[in-house]
Amino acid sequence: MPEDAAYLHGLRTDPRYNAHLSPVTGTV
């Protein structure tokens, strides 16, 4: 799922969403 990976990567690189995704997708 390259699109999903790119989507998650985009959110993780965003400081606003990174704080929210850290505990959620910390293992991703």
PDB file of N, CA and C in Angstrom:
ATOM      1  N   MET A   1       0.836  -1.202   0.000  1.00  0.00           N
ATOM      2  CA  MET A   1       0.000   0.000   0.000  1.00  0.00           C
ATOM      3  C   MET A   1       0.872   1.254   0.000  1.00  0.00           C
ATOM      4  N   PRO A   2       1.502   1.546  -1.133  1.00  0.00           N
ATOM      5  CA  PRO A   2       2.410   2.699  -1.221  1.00  0.00           C
ATOM      6  C   PRO A   2       1.706   4.014  -0.930  1.00  0.00           C
ATOM      7  N   GLU A   3       0.446   4.105  -1.318  1.00  0.00           N
ATOM      8  CA  GLU A   3      -0.296   5.345  -1.079  1.00  0.00           C
ATOM      9  C   GLU A   3      -0.513   5.551   0.415  1.00  0.00           C
ATOM     10  N   ASP A   4      -0.839   4.472   1.109  1.00  0.00           N
ATOM     11  CA  ASP A   4      -1.065   4.553   2.542  1.00  0.00           C
ATOM     12  C   ASP A   4       0.230   4.902   3.269  1.00  0.00           C
ATOM     13  N   ALA A   5       1.329   4.294   2.797  1.00  0.00           N
ATOM     14  CA  ALA A   5       2.628   4.557   3.402  1.00  0.00           C
ATOM     15  C   ALA A   5       3.018   6.014   3.211  1.00  0.00           C
ATOM     16  N   ALA A   6       2.779   6.528   2.005  1.00  0.00           N
ATOM     17  CA  ALA A   6       3.100   7.921   1.716  1.00  0.00           C
ATOM     18  C   ALA A   6       2.220   8.849   2.542  1.00  0.00           C
ATOM     19  N   TYR A   7       0.986   8.432   2.738  1.00  0.00           N
ATOM     20  CA  TYR A   7       0.043   9.232   3.531  1.00  0.00           C
ATOM     21  C   TYR A   7       0.509   9.312   4.983  1.00  0.00           C
ATOM     22  N   LEU A   8       0.866   8.159   5.539  1.00  0.00           N
ATOM     23  CA  LEU A   8       1.344   8.130   6.917  1.00  0.00           C
ATOM     24  C   LEU A   8       2.652   8.895   7.039  1.00  0.00           C
ATOM     25  N   HIS A   9       3.514   8.762   6.048  1.00  0.00           N
ATOM     26  CA  HIS A   9       4.794   9.461   6.063  1.00  0.00           C
ATOM     27  C   HIS A   9       4.569  10.968   6.053  1.00  0.00           C
ATOM     28  N   GLY A  10       3.600  11.404   5.273  1.00  0.00           N
ATOM     29  CA  GLY A  10       3.293  12.827   5.190  1.00  0.00           C
ATOM     30  C   GLY A  10       2.789  13.359   6.521  1.00  0.00           C
ATOM     31  N   LEU A  11       1.990  12.552   7.204  1.00  0.00           N
ATOM     32  CA  LEU A  11       1.461  12.982   8.499  1.00  0.00           C
ATOM     33  C   LEU A  11       2.555  12.960   9.556  1.00  0.00           C
ATOM     34  N   ARG A  12       3.413  11.951   9.492  1.00  0.00           N
ATOM     35  CA  ARG A  12       4.487  11.826  10.481  1.00  0.00           C
ATOM     36  C   ARG A  12       5.489  12.960  10.350  1.00  0.00           C
ATOM     37  N   THR A  13       5.659  13.462   9.126  1.00  0.00           N
ATOM     38  CA  THR A  13       6.610  14.552   8.927  1.00  0.00           C
ATOM     39  C   THR A  13       5.980  15.883   9.301  1.00  0.00           C
ATOM     40  N   ASP A  14       4.652  15.875   9.511  1.00  0.00           N
ATOM     41  CA  ASP A  14       3.964  17.104   9.902  1.00  0.00           C
ATOM     42  C   ASP A  14       3.941  17.178  11.430  1.00  0.00           C
ATOM     43  N   PRO A  15       4.581  18.179  12.014  1.00  0.00           N
ATOM     44  CA  PRO A  15       4.665  18.306  13.475  1.00  0.00           C
ATOM     45  C   PRO A  15       3.304  18.347  14.152  1.00  0.00           C
ATOM     46  N   ARG A  16       2.320  18.870  13.439  1.00  0.00           N
ATOM     47  CA  ARG A  16       0.979  18.967  14.007  1.00  0.00           C
ATOM     48  C   ARG A  16       0.338  17.589  14.168  1.00  0.00           C
ATOM     49  N   TYR A  17       0.544  16.729  13.172  1.00  0.00           N
ATOM     50  CA  TYR A  17      -0.033  15.392  13.228  1.00  0.00           C
ATOM     51  C   TYR A  17       0.921  14.391  13.884  1.00  0.00           C
ATOM     52  N   ASN A  18       2.202  14.679  13.813  1.00  0.00           N
ATOM     53  CA  ASN A  18       3.207  13.786  14.379  1.00  0.00           C
ATOM     54  C   ASN A  18       2.949  13.528  15.854  1.00  0.00           C
ATOM     55  N   ALA A  19       2.591  14.570  16.596  1.00  0.00           N
ATOM     56  CA  ALA A  19       2.331  14.435  18.023  1.00  0.00           C
ATOM     57  C   ALA A  19       1.132  13.523  18.274  1.00  0.00           C
ATOM     58  N   HIS A  20       0.190  13.519  17.345  1.00  0.00           N
ATOM     59  CA  HIS A  20      -1.009  12.705  17.491  1.00  0.00           C
ATOM     60  C   HIS A  20      -0.781  11.276  17.010  1.00  0.00           C
ATOM     61  N   LEU A  21       0.078  11.117  16.015  1.00  0.00           N
ATOM     62  CA  LEU A  21       0.327   9.791  15.454  1.00  0.00           C
ATOM     63  C   LEU A  21       1.441   9.036  16.171  1.00  0.00           C
ATOM     64  N   SER A  22       2.225   9.740  16.973  1.00  0.00           N
ATOM     65  CA  SER A  22       3.329   9.096  17.676  1.00  0.00           C
ATOM     66  C   SER A  22       2.880   7.861  18.468  1.00  0.00           C
ATOM     67  N   PRO A  23       1.898   7.996  19.362  1.00  0.00           N
ATOM     68  CA  PRO A  23       1.447   6.843  20.150  1.00  0.00           C
ATOM     69  C   PRO A  23       0.593   5.867  19.346  1.00  0.00           C
ATOM     70  N   VAL A  24       0.075   6.328  18.223  1.00  0.00           N
ATOM     71  CA  VAL A  24      -0.817   5.498  17.420  1.00  0.00           C
ATOM     72  C   VAL A  24      -0.043   4.661  16.412  1.00  0.00           C
ATOM     73  N   THR A  25       0.845   5.317  15.665  1.00  0.00           N
ATOM     74  CA  THR A  25       1.615   4.603  14.640  1.00  0.00           C
ATOM     75  C   THR A  25       3.097   4.614  14.991  1.00  0.00           C
ATOM     76  N   GLY A  26       3.393   4.518  16.270  1.00  0.00           N
ATOM     77  CA  GLY A  26       4.786   4.546  16.706  1.00  0.00           C
ATOM     78  C   GLY A  26       5.562   3.340  16.196  1.00  0.00           C
ATOM     79  N   THR A  27       4.845   2.238  15.948  1.00  0.00           N
ATOM     80  CA  THR A  27       5.507   1.026  15.481  1.00  0.00           C
ATOM     81  C   THR A  27       5.570   0.967  13.969  1.00  0.00           C
ATOM     82  N   VAL A  28       4.909   1.888  13.299  1.00  0.00           N
ATOM     83  CA  VAL A  28       4.879   1.891  11.835  1.00  0.00           C
ATOM     84  C   VAL A  28       6.070   2.667  11.302  1.00  0.00           C
TER      85      VAL A  28
END
